[in-house]
N, C-alpha and C. Protein backbone atom coordinates (compact mmCIF):
# COMPACT_ATOMS: atom_id res chain seq x y z
N MET A 1 3.62 27.23 -4.82
CA MET A 1 2.91 27.20 -5.86
C MET A 1 3.30 26.00 -6.80
N ARG A 2 2.73 24.84 -7.22
CA ARG A 2 3.09 24.09 -8.02
C ARG A 2 3.27 24.12 -9.51
N LEU A 3 4.35 23.57 -9.89
CA LEU A 3 4.19 23.24 -11.39
C LEU A 3 4.31 22.32 -11.89
N ASP A 4 3.55 22.08 -13.07
CA ASP A 4 3.34 20.68 -13.73
C ASP A 4 4.90 20.41 -14.13
N GLY A 5 5.73 20.98 -14.12
CA GLY A 5 6.78 20.54 -14.91
C GLY A 5 7.94 21.72 -14.95
N PRO A 6 9.13 21.41 -15.56
CA PRO A 6 10.10 22.71 -15.48
C PRO A 6 9.69 23.47 -16.82
N SER A 7 10.05 24.86 -16.67
CA SER A 7 9.69 25.59 -17.49
C SER A 7 10.59 25.67 -19.01
N LEU A 8 9.82 25.99 -19.98
CA LEU A 8 10.67 26.04 -21.07
C LEU A 8 11.79 27.04 -21.24
N ASP A 9 11.94 27.91 -20.18
CA ASP A 9 12.98 28.57 -20.23
C ASP A 9 14.45 27.85 -20.11
N HIS A 10 14.34 26.19 -19.46
CA HIS A 10 15.60 25.91 -19.18
C HIS A 10 15.78 24.88 -20.46
N GLY A 11 14.77 24.91 -21.50
CA GLY A 11 15.51 24.14 -22.65
C GLY A 11 14.42 22.51 -22.53
N PRO A 12 14.63 22.19 -23.47
CA PRO A 12 13.85 21.11 -23.69
C PRO A 12 14.38 19.55 -23.17
N ARG A 13 16.03 19.89 -22.76
CA ARG A 13 16.79 18.46 -22.45
C ARG A 13 15.92 18.28 -20.82
N LEU A 14 15.83 19.69 -19.97
CA LEU A 14 15.47 19.33 -18.97
C LEU A 14 13.90 18.71 -19.04
N ILE A 15 13.15 19.22 -19.72
CA ILE A 15 11.81 18.51 -20.03
C ILE A 15 12.23 17.21 -20.14
N ILE A 16 12.90 16.86 -21.01
CA ILE A 16 12.94 14.99 -21.05
C ILE A 16 13.06 14.52 -20.04
N VAL A 17 14.28 15.31 -19.24
CA VAL A 17 14.58 14.23 -17.93
C VAL A 17 13.70 14.19 -16.57
N TYR A 18 12.86 15.37 -16.70
CA TYR A 18 11.90 15.54 -15.67
C TYR A 18 10.69 14.21 -16.24
N ASN A 19 10.00 14.34 -17.47
CA ASN A 19 9.31 13.43 -18.07
C ASN A 19 9.65 12.04 -17.80
N HIS A 20 11.13 12.05 -17.74
CA HIS A 20 11.36 10.65 -17.88
C HIS A 20 11.39 10.34 -16.10
N GLN A 21 11.90 11.11 -15.13
CA GLN A 21 11.67 10.67 -14.09
C GLN A 21 10.44 10.39 -13.08
N MET A 22 9.26 11.47 -13.81
CA MET A 22 8.03 11.23 -13.09
C MET A 22 7.23 9.83 -13.49
N ARG A 23 7.71 9.79 -14.95
CA ARG A 23 7.66 8.04 -15.74
C ARG A 23 7.71 7.12 -14.74
N SER A 24 9.06 7.37 -14.42
CA SER A 24 9.85 6.34 -13.34
C SER A 24 9.04 6.26 -11.88
N VAL A 25 8.89 7.47 -11.31
CA VAL A 25 7.96 7.68 -10.11
C VAL A 25 6.08 6.83 -10.06
N VAL A 26 6.01 7.05 -11.54
CA VAL A 26 4.29 6.52 -11.20
C VAL A 26 4.42 5.13 -11.73
N VAL A 27 5.62 4.46 -11.94
CA VAL A 27 6.10 3.40 -12.31
C VAL A 27 6.26 2.42 -11.13
N GLY A 28 7.45 3.24 -10.33
CA GLY A 28 7.47 2.41 -9.36
C GLY A 28 6.42 2.77 -8.41
N HIS A 29 5.98 3.81 -8.05
CA HIS A 29 4.05 4.17 -6.81
C HIS A 29 3.31 2.52 -7.56
N THR A 30 3.14 2.26 -8.61
CA THR A 30 2.20 1.38 -9.22
C THR A 30 2.89 -0.23 -8.77
N ALA A 31 4.06 -0.16 -8.80
CA ALA A 31 4.67 -1.81 -8.61
C ALA A 31 4.92 -1.75 -6.58
N PHE A 32 4.90 -0.54 -6.30
CA PHE A 32 4.75 -1.41 -4.50
C PHE A 32 3.51 -1.12 -4.22
N THR A 33 2.56 -0.54 -4.97
CA THR A 33 1.26 -0.56 -4.60
C THR A 33 0.92 -1.69 -4.65
N VAL A 34 0.99 -2.42 -6.21
CA VAL A 34 0.39 -3.69 -6.50
C VAL A 34 0.81 -4.69 -5.47
N ALA A 35 2.01 -4.36 -5.22
CA ALA A 35 3.36 -5.63 -4.46
C ALA A 35 2.12 -5.72 -3.00
N MET A 36 1.94 -4.19 -2.50
CA MET A 36 0.98 -4.32 -1.31
C MET A 36 -0.36 -4.97 -1.40
N PHE A 37 -0.68 -4.37 -2.49
CA PHE A 37 -2.41 -5.29 -2.52
C PHE A 37 -1.99 -6.38 -3.05
N GLY A 38 -0.91 -7.55 -3.10
CA GLY A 38 -0.83 -9.01 -3.50
C GLY A 38 -0.69 -9.39 -1.97
N LEU A 39 0.11 -8.61 -1.36
CA LEU A 39 0.46 -8.79 0.16
C LEU A 39 -1.12 -9.14 1.20
N MET A 40 -1.61 -7.54 0.78
CA MET A 40 -2.86 -7.66 1.57
C MET A 40 -4.13 -9.10 1.33
N TRP A 41 -4.49 -9.34 0.16
CA TRP A 41 -5.19 -10.29 -0.57
C TRP A 41 -4.67 -11.76 0.00
N ALA A 42 -3.00 -11.74 0.07
CA ALA A 42 -2.51 -13.63 0.24
C ALA A 42 -2.73 -13.72 1.95
N VAL A 43 -2.67 -12.33 2.21
CA VAL A 43 -2.53 -12.63 3.93
C VAL A 43 -4.21 -12.68 4.25
N GLN A 44 -5.00 -12.01 3.42
CA GLN A 44 -6.73 -11.70 3.83
C GLN A 44 -7.26 -13.88 3.19
N ILE A 45 -6.65 -14.28 2.65
CA ILE A 45 -7.30 -15.30 1.80
C ILE A 45 -6.20 -16.51 2.55
N VAL A 46 -5.05 -16.34 3.03
CA VAL A 46 -4.34 -17.87 3.09
C VAL A 46 -3.63 -17.45 4.46
N VAL A 47 -3.27 -16.35 5.05
CA VAL A 47 -2.43 -16.31 6.29
C VAL A 47 -3.24 -16.29 7.49
N TYR A 48 -4.39 -15.21 7.28
CA TYR A 48 -5.18 -15.13 8.32
C TYR A 48 -6.10 -16.44 8.86
N PRO A 49 -6.78 -16.97 7.97
CA PRO A 49 -7.40 -18.44 7.85
C PRO A 49 -6.70 -19.14 8.42
N GLN A 50 -5.79 -19.36 8.38
CA GLN A 50 -5.00 -20.38 8.35
C GLN A 50 -4.77 -20.49 10.01
N PHE A 51 -4.80 -18.83 10.54
CA PHE A 51 -4.84 -19.07 12.03
C PHE A 51 -5.63 -20.11 12.73
N ARG A 52 -6.71 -20.44 12.41
CA ARG A 52 -7.62 -21.09 12.54
C ARG A 52 -7.12 -22.48 12.93
N SER A 53 -6.15 -23.14 12.06
CA SER A 53 -5.40 -24.51 11.89
C SER A 53 -4.59 -24.70 13.17
N VAL A 54 -3.87 -23.48 13.84
CA VAL A 54 -3.28 -23.36 15.09
C VAL A 54 -3.68 -24.08 16.27
N ALA A 55 -2.97 -25.41 16.77
CA ALA A 55 -3.38 -25.46 18.16
C ALA A 55 -3.30 -24.64 19.28
N PRO A 56 -4.48 -24.43 20.00
CA PRO A 56 -4.57 -23.56 20.90
C PRO A 56 -2.87 -22.91 21.88
N ALA A 57 -2.43 -24.47 22.15
CA ALA A 57 -0.99 -24.18 23.10
C ALA A 57 -0.16 -23.62 21.98
N GLU A 58 0.04 -24.07 21.10
CA GLU A 58 0.97 -23.29 19.86
C GLU A 58 0.47 -21.75 19.69
N PHE A 59 -0.40 -21.31 19.93
CA PHE A 59 -0.69 -20.14 19.18
C PHE A 59 -0.06 -18.83 19.42
N ALA A 60 0.28 -18.78 20.55
CA ALA A 60 0.98 -17.86 20.66
C ALA A 60 2.36 -17.39 20.21
N ASN A 61 3.05 -18.65 20.04
CA ASN A 61 4.17 -18.85 19.70
C ASN A 61 4.37 -18.63 18.01
N TYR A 62 2.87 -19.14 17.58
CA TYR A 62 2.52 -19.00 15.86
C TYR A 62 2.65 -17.47 15.59
N ALA A 63 1.96 -16.47 16.22
CA ALA A 63 1.16 -15.41 16.29
C ALA A 63 2.18 -14.42 16.47
N ALA A 64 3.32 -14.83 16.96
CA ALA A 64 4.67 -14.22 17.20
C ALA A 64 5.36 -14.20 15.76
N ASP A 65 5.06 -15.54 15.88
CA ASP A 65 6.55 -15.74 14.31
C ASP A 65 5.96 -15.18 13.12
N HIS A 66 4.57 -14.87 13.10
CA HIS A 66 3.94 -14.44 11.76
C HIS A 66 3.93 -12.86 11.98
N GLY A 67 4.18 -12.32 13.59
CA GLY A 67 4.48 -10.84 13.62
C GLY A 67 5.79 -10.46 12.88
N ALA A 68 6.78 -11.47 13.10
CA ALA A 68 8.21 -10.94 12.95
C ALA A 68 8.33 -11.48 11.17
N ARG A 69 7.59 -12.50 10.42
CA ARG A 69 7.78 -12.14 9.60
C ARG A 69 7.29 -11.24 8.42
N ILE A 70 5.68 -11.16 8.96
CA ILE A 70 5.24 -10.04 8.05
C ILE A 70 5.72 -8.85 8.17
N THR A 71 6.10 -8.46 9.46
CA THR A 71 6.73 -7.38 9.61
C THR A 71 8.48 -7.06 9.21
N THR A 72 8.98 -8.17 8.25
CA THR A 72 10.06 -7.93 7.63
C THR A 72 9.28 -7.55 6.15
N ALA A 73 8.44 -8.45 5.70
CA ALA A 73 7.82 -7.90 4.11
C ALA A 73 7.59 -6.75 4.30
N LEU A 74 6.89 -6.33 5.29
CA LEU A 74 6.30 -4.70 5.14
C LEU A 74 7.51 -3.60 5.60
N ALA A 75 8.42 -3.77 5.96
CA ALA A 75 9.27 -3.16 5.87
C ALA A 75 10.25 -3.24 4.44
N LEU A 76 10.15 -3.74 3.70
CA LEU A 76 10.70 -3.73 2.65
C LEU A 76 9.62 -2.97 1.62
N LEU A 77 8.22 -3.27 1.84
CA LEU A 77 7.50 -2.53 1.02
C LEU A 77 6.72 -1.33 1.42
N ALA A 78 6.81 -1.12 2.31
CA ALA A 78 5.60 -0.20 2.76
C ALA A 78 6.16 1.06 2.73
N PRO A 79 7.28 1.64 3.19
CA PRO A 79 8.03 2.18 3.15
C PRO A 79 8.19 3.00 1.77
N ALA A 80 8.75 2.29 0.81
CA ALA A 80 8.41 2.79 -0.63
C ALA A 80 7.42 3.10 -1.26
N GLU A 81 6.56 2.66 -1.01
CA GLU A 81 5.39 2.38 -1.56
C GLU A 81 4.85 4.22 -0.66
N ILE A 82 5.02 4.32 0.16
CA ILE A 82 4.80 5.57 1.25
C ILE A 82 5.59 6.96 0.43
N VAL A 83 6.73 6.25 0.23
CA VAL A 83 7.50 7.32 -0.37
C VAL A 83 6.90 8.14 -1.97
N PHE A 84 6.78 6.76 -2.57
CA PHE A 84 6.29 7.05 -4.06
C PHE A 84 5.03 7.87 -4.21
N ALA A 85 4.11 7.33 -3.18
CA ALA A 85 3.03 7.98 -2.92
C ALA A 85 2.82 9.51 -2.56
N GLY A 86 3.98 9.88 -1.72
CA GLY A 86 4.21 11.31 -1.24
C GLY A 86 5.07 11.89 -2.40
N TRP A 87 5.76 11.16 -2.95
CA TRP A 87 6.33 11.93 -4.29
C TRP A 87 4.96 11.92 -5.66
N LEU A 88 4.56 11.27 -5.49
CA LEU A 88 3.87 11.50 -6.48
C LEU A 88 2.64 12.95 -6.17
N PHE A 89 2.40 12.83 -5.24
CA PHE A 89 0.69 14.09 -4.82
C PHE A 89 1.92 15.15 -4.77
N LEU A 90 3.25 15.57 -4.05
CA LEU A 90 3.79 16.66 -4.16
C LEU A 90 4.12 17.02 -5.69
N ASP A 91 4.24 16.26 -6.61
CA ASP A 91 4.40 16.42 -7.68
C ASP A 91 3.71 15.85 -8.96
N THR A 92 2.65 16.09 -8.71
CA THR A 92 1.99 15.44 -9.44
C THR A 92 2.10 15.79 -11.06
N PRO A 93 2.22 14.58 -12.18
CA PRO A 93 2.59 14.95 -13.30
C PRO A 93 1.66 15.47 -13.83
N ALA A 94 1.90 16.12 -15.30
CA ALA A 94 0.45 16.55 -16.15
C ALA A 94 -0.51 15.21 -16.62
N GLY A 95 -1.09 15.08 -16.57
CA GLY A 95 -2.09 14.53 -17.26
C GLY A 95 -2.84 13.16 -16.07
N LEU A 96 -2.06 13.54 -15.08
CA LEU A 96 -2.93 12.84 -13.69
C LEU A 96 -3.74 13.63 -12.86
N SER A 97 -4.91 13.21 -12.45
CA SER A 97 -5.70 14.11 -12.01
C SER A 97 -4.90 14.10 -10.52
N ARG A 98 -5.20 15.12 -9.80
CA ARG A 98 -4.56 15.78 -8.62
C ARG A 98 -5.02 15.28 -7.32
N SER A 99 -6.63 15.34 -7.88
CA SER A 99 -7.72 15.13 -7.21
C SER A 99 -7.61 13.42 -6.68
N ALA A 100 -7.21 12.68 -8.07
CA ALA A 100 -7.15 11.10 -8.07
C ALA A 100 -6.24 10.63 -6.88
N VAL A 101 -4.78 11.63 -7.12
CA VAL A 101 -3.53 10.98 -6.48
C VAL A 101 -4.15 11.46 -5.04
N PHE A 102 -4.76 12.26 -4.61
CA PHE A 102 -4.93 13.12 -3.26
C PHE A 102 -5.96 11.60 -2.80
N VAL A 103 -6.63 11.22 -3.64
CA VAL A 103 -7.55 10.16 -2.82
C VAL A 103 -7.25 8.84 -2.71
N SER A 104 -6.29 8.42 -3.57
CA SER A 104 -5.07 7.26 -3.23
C SER A 104 -4.44 7.27 -2.36
N GLY A 105 -3.84 8.44 -2.05
CA GLY A 105 -2.98 8.92 -0.60
C GLY A 105 -3.56 9.07 0.50
N THR A 106 -5.18 9.05 0.28
CA THR A 106 -6.12 8.53 1.43
C THR A 106 -6.19 7.22 1.85
N LEU A 107 -6.46 7.01 1.11
CA LEU A 107 -6.88 5.09 1.01
C LEU A 107 -5.49 4.59 1.66
N LEU A 108 -4.36 5.41 1.38
CA LEU A 108 -3.08 4.79 1.91
C LEU A 108 -3.27 5.38 3.26
N ALA A 109 -3.17 6.24 3.57
CA ALA A 109 -3.56 6.95 4.66
C ALA A 109 -3.85 6.07 5.56
N ALA A 110 -5.53 5.75 5.26
CA ALA A 110 -6.57 5.41 5.83
C ALA A 110 -5.96 3.83 6.61
N GLY A 111 -5.19 3.22 5.63
CA GLY A 111 -4.70 2.08 5.92
C GLY A 111 -3.73 1.67 7.23
N TRP A 112 -2.94 2.56 6.88
CA TRP A 112 -1.97 2.47 7.75
C TRP A 112 -2.83 2.87 9.26
N ILE A 113 -3.53 3.93 9.31
CA ILE A 113 -4.25 4.59 10.73
C ILE A 113 -4.57 3.38 11.26
N ALA A 114 -5.75 2.47 9.97
CA ALA A 114 -6.14 1.42 10.85
C ALA A 114 -5.41 0.59 11.30
N THR A 115 -4.37 0.31 10.67
CA THR A 115 -3.16 -0.82 11.13
C THR A 115 -2.57 -0.23 12.26
N ALA A 116 -2.55 0.86 13.07
CA ALA A 116 -1.51 1.25 13.97
C ALA A 116 -2.57 1.31 14.99
N PHE A 117 -4.10 1.92 14.69
CA PHE A 117 -4.90 1.92 15.67
C PHE A 117 -5.83 0.53 16.16
N PHE A 118 -6.25 -0.01 15.09
CA PHE A 118 -7.05 -1.12 15.20
C PHE A 118 -6.32 -2.48 15.05
N PHE A 119 -5.52 -2.56 14.03
CA PHE A 119 -4.81 -4.00 13.44
C PHE A 119 -3.89 -4.36 14.53
N ALA A 120 -2.97 -3.37 14.84
CA ALA A 120 -1.62 -3.78 15.63
C ALA A 120 -2.58 -4.12 16.97
N PRO A 121 -3.11 -3.42 17.63
CA PRO A 121 -3.52 -3.56 18.70
C PRO A 121 -4.29 -4.97 19.20
N LEU A 122 -4.52 -5.45 18.10
CA LEU A 122 -5.65 -6.16 17.82
C LEU A 122 -4.38 -7.60 17.90
N HIS A 123 -3.43 -7.70 17.01
CA HIS A 123 -2.63 -8.56 16.85
C HIS A 123 -2.21 -8.82 17.92
N GLY A 124 -1.64 -7.63 19.28
CA GLY A 124 -0.90 -8.09 20.28
C GLY A 124 -1.62 -8.76 21.25
N LYS A 125 -2.88 -8.74 21.19
CA LYS A 125 -4.15 -9.58 22.08
C LYS A 125 -3.59 -11.08 21.64
N PHE A 126 -3.48 -11.62 20.39
CA PHE A 126 -2.77 -12.69 20.65
C PHE A 126 -1.62 -13.29 21.36
N GLN A 127 -1.00 -12.55 21.99
CA GLN A 127 0.16 -13.11 22.66
C GLN A 127 -0.64 -13.76 23.82
N GLY A 128 -1.67 -13.22 24.40
CA GLY A 128 -2.91 -14.01 25.60
C GLY A 128 -3.19 -15.46 25.08
N PRO A 129 -4.12 -15.50 25.96
CA PRO A 129 -4.71 -17.09 25.77
C PRO A 129 -5.20 -17.38 24.47
N TYR A 130 -5.78 -17.96 24.41
CA TYR A 130 -6.23 -18.45 22.30
C TYR A 130 -7.43 -17.67 22.31
N ASN A 131 -7.46 -17.64 21.39
CA ASN A 131 -9.45 -16.99 21.37
C ASN A 131 -9.58 -16.92 20.05
N ARG A 132 -10.44 -17.88 19.63
CA ARG A 132 -10.89 -18.06 18.42
C ARG A 132 -11.71 -16.63 17.87
N ASP A 133 -12.40 -16.35 18.80
CA ASP A 133 -13.42 -14.83 18.44
C ASP A 133 -12.08 -13.80 17.83
N LEU A 134 -11.29 -13.78 18.09
CA LEU A 134 -10.16 -12.53 17.95
C LEU A 134 -9.60 -12.99 16.55
N ILE A 135 -9.72 -14.33 16.18
CA ILE A 135 -9.28 -14.44 14.94
C ILE A 135 -10.23 -14.31 14.10
N GLU A 136 -11.57 -14.70 14.45
CA GLU A 136 -12.58 -14.13 13.29
C GLU A 136 -12.69 -12.52 13.07
N GLN A 137 -12.33 -12.08 14.14
CA GLN A 137 -12.26 -10.86 14.41
C GLN A 137 -11.07 -10.01 13.51
N LEU A 138 -10.55 -10.61 13.30
CA LEU A 138 -9.14 -10.40 12.78
C LEU A 138 -9.48 -10.32 10.97
N ILE A 139 -9.99 -11.60 11.05
CA ILE A 139 -10.46 -12.47 9.35
C ILE A 139 -11.67 -11.18 9.03
N SER A 140 -12.60 -10.86 9.72
CA SER A 140 -13.48 -10.74 9.17
C SER A 140 -13.65 -8.73 8.99
N THR A 141 -12.61 -8.02 9.97
CA THR A 141 -12.11 -6.96 9.77
C THR A 141 -11.22 -6.45 8.67
N ASN A 142 -10.22 -7.32 8.51
CA ASN A 142 -8.88 -7.40 7.59
C ASN A 142 -9.69 -6.68 6.30
N TRP A 143 -11.17 -7.34 6.12
CA TRP A 143 -11.19 -7.02 4.71
C TRP A 143 -11.26 -4.89 4.11
N LEU A 144 -11.54 -4.54 5.26
CA LEU A 144 -11.40 -2.89 5.32
C LEU A 144 -9.96 -2.68 4.31
N ARG A 145 -9.08 -3.58 5.35
CA ARG A 145 -7.38 -3.13 4.20
C ARG A 145 -7.31 -3.43 3.16
N THR A 146 -7.43 -5.03 3.06
CA THR A 146 -8.39 -5.72 1.58
C THR A 146 -8.87 -4.75 0.87
N ALA A 147 -9.59 -4.16 0.83
CA ALA A 147 -10.53 -3.30 0.11
C ALA A 147 -9.87 -1.76 0.04
N LEU A 148 -8.87 -1.36 0.88
CA LEU A 148 -8.24 0.01 0.72
C LEU A 148 -6.97 -0.17 -0.19
N TRP A 149 -6.44 -1.19 -0.24
CA TRP A 149 -5.38 -1.33 -1.11
C TRP A 149 -5.34 -1.79 -2.31
N SER A 150 -6.91 -2.82 -2.72
CA SER A 150 -7.31 -2.99 -3.65
C SER A 150 -8.06 -1.76 -4.48
N GLY A 151 -8.54 -0.49 -3.61
CA GLY A 151 -8.73 0.66 -4.27
C GLY A 151 -7.48 1.08 -4.79
N ARG A 152 -6.65 1.18 -4.00
CA ARG A 152 -4.96 1.75 -4.31
C ARG A 152 -4.55 1.16 -5.67
N ALA A 153 -4.70 -0.38 -5.46
CA ALA A 153 -4.16 -0.92 -6.90
C ALA A 153 -4.51 -0.62 -7.94
N VAL A 154 -5.88 -0.49 -8.10
CA VAL A 154 -6.90 -0.14 -9.14
C VAL A 154 -6.64 1.38 -9.91
N MET A 155 -6.11 2.32 -8.51
CA MET A 155 -5.67 3.52 -9.05
C MET A 155 -4.98 3.56 -9.37
N ALA A 156 -3.64 3.12 -9.17
CA ALA A 156 -2.19 2.92 -9.68
C ALA A 156 -2.18 2.33 -10.32
N SER A 157 -2.54 1.64 -11.07
CA SER A 157 -2.64 1.15 -12.45
C SER A 157 -3.60 1.93 -13.53
N TRP A 158 -4.55 2.62 -13.23
CA TRP A 158 -5.12 3.88 -13.67
C TRP A 158 -4.17 4.81 -14.13
N PHE A 159 -3.40 5.33 -13.31
CA PHE A 159 -2.41 6.15 -13.33
C PHE A 159 -1.39 6.12 -14.40
N LEU A 160 -0.51 4.97 -13.88
CA LEU A 160 0.03 4.18 -15.07
C LEU A 160 -0.51 4.36 -16.68
N TRP A 161 -1.48 3.65 -16.84
CA TRP A 161 -2.15 3.49 -18.04
C TRP A 161 -2.61 4.90 -18.46
N GLN A 162 -2.94 6.22 -17.70
CA GLN A 162 -3.16 7.43 -18.20
C GLN A 162 -1.50 7.72 -18.72
N LEU A 163 -0.58 7.57 -17.84
CA LEU A 163 0.98 8.06 -18.47
C LEU A 163 1.15 7.16 -19.67
N LEU A 164 0.83 5.64 -19.87
CA LEU A 164 1.30 5.20 -20.92
C LEU A 164 0.90 5.47 -22.02
N ASP A 165 -0.71 6.09 -22.02
CA ASP A 165 -1.59 6.56 -22.80
C ASP A 165 -1.21 7.63 -23.52
N ALA A 166 -0.47 8.37 -22.38
CA ALA A 166 -0.55 10.06 -22.98
C ALA A 166 1.09 9.92 -23.48
N ASP A 167 1.59 8.92 -23.92
CA ASP A 167 3.25 8.31 -24.21
C ASP A 167 2.73 8.12 -25.93
N THR A 168 1.18 7.61 -26.15
CA THR A 168 1.47 7.05 -27.21
C THR A 168 0.51 8.47 -28.42
């Protein structure tokens, strides 16, 4: 059974703490989602197109260096985004649409499934001989992840706006 918050039987102080906690969850969710959105756009319009400028003889090393650096950035942002998204789904605050939170989580899951089963293997192919077609495939297909995280950023911003609007 899902509750929208603690019952009044526990007093108003518990409700205030719960509301403050959920406000923090929505703010954290928005912050990490928007950070991932920014990272996805930077990768899409700056990082991946830059692959075209790397000399074929240097490409495997460049791709390996990219992989190590992007993994560091993702290791800082992705777990927090996933935790906040899960928390928001499991304990959706009153005033937010649980269906919208579910859709946002579905976009997140789709992004990580695409990463695991398509984009990570595609990146693995960059360790082989230089292949301009693979670079173009990466750039063109990565618009999917860019769109997924753009949708998440819009939804997270909407959740935050709803929360702030409810406070006024």
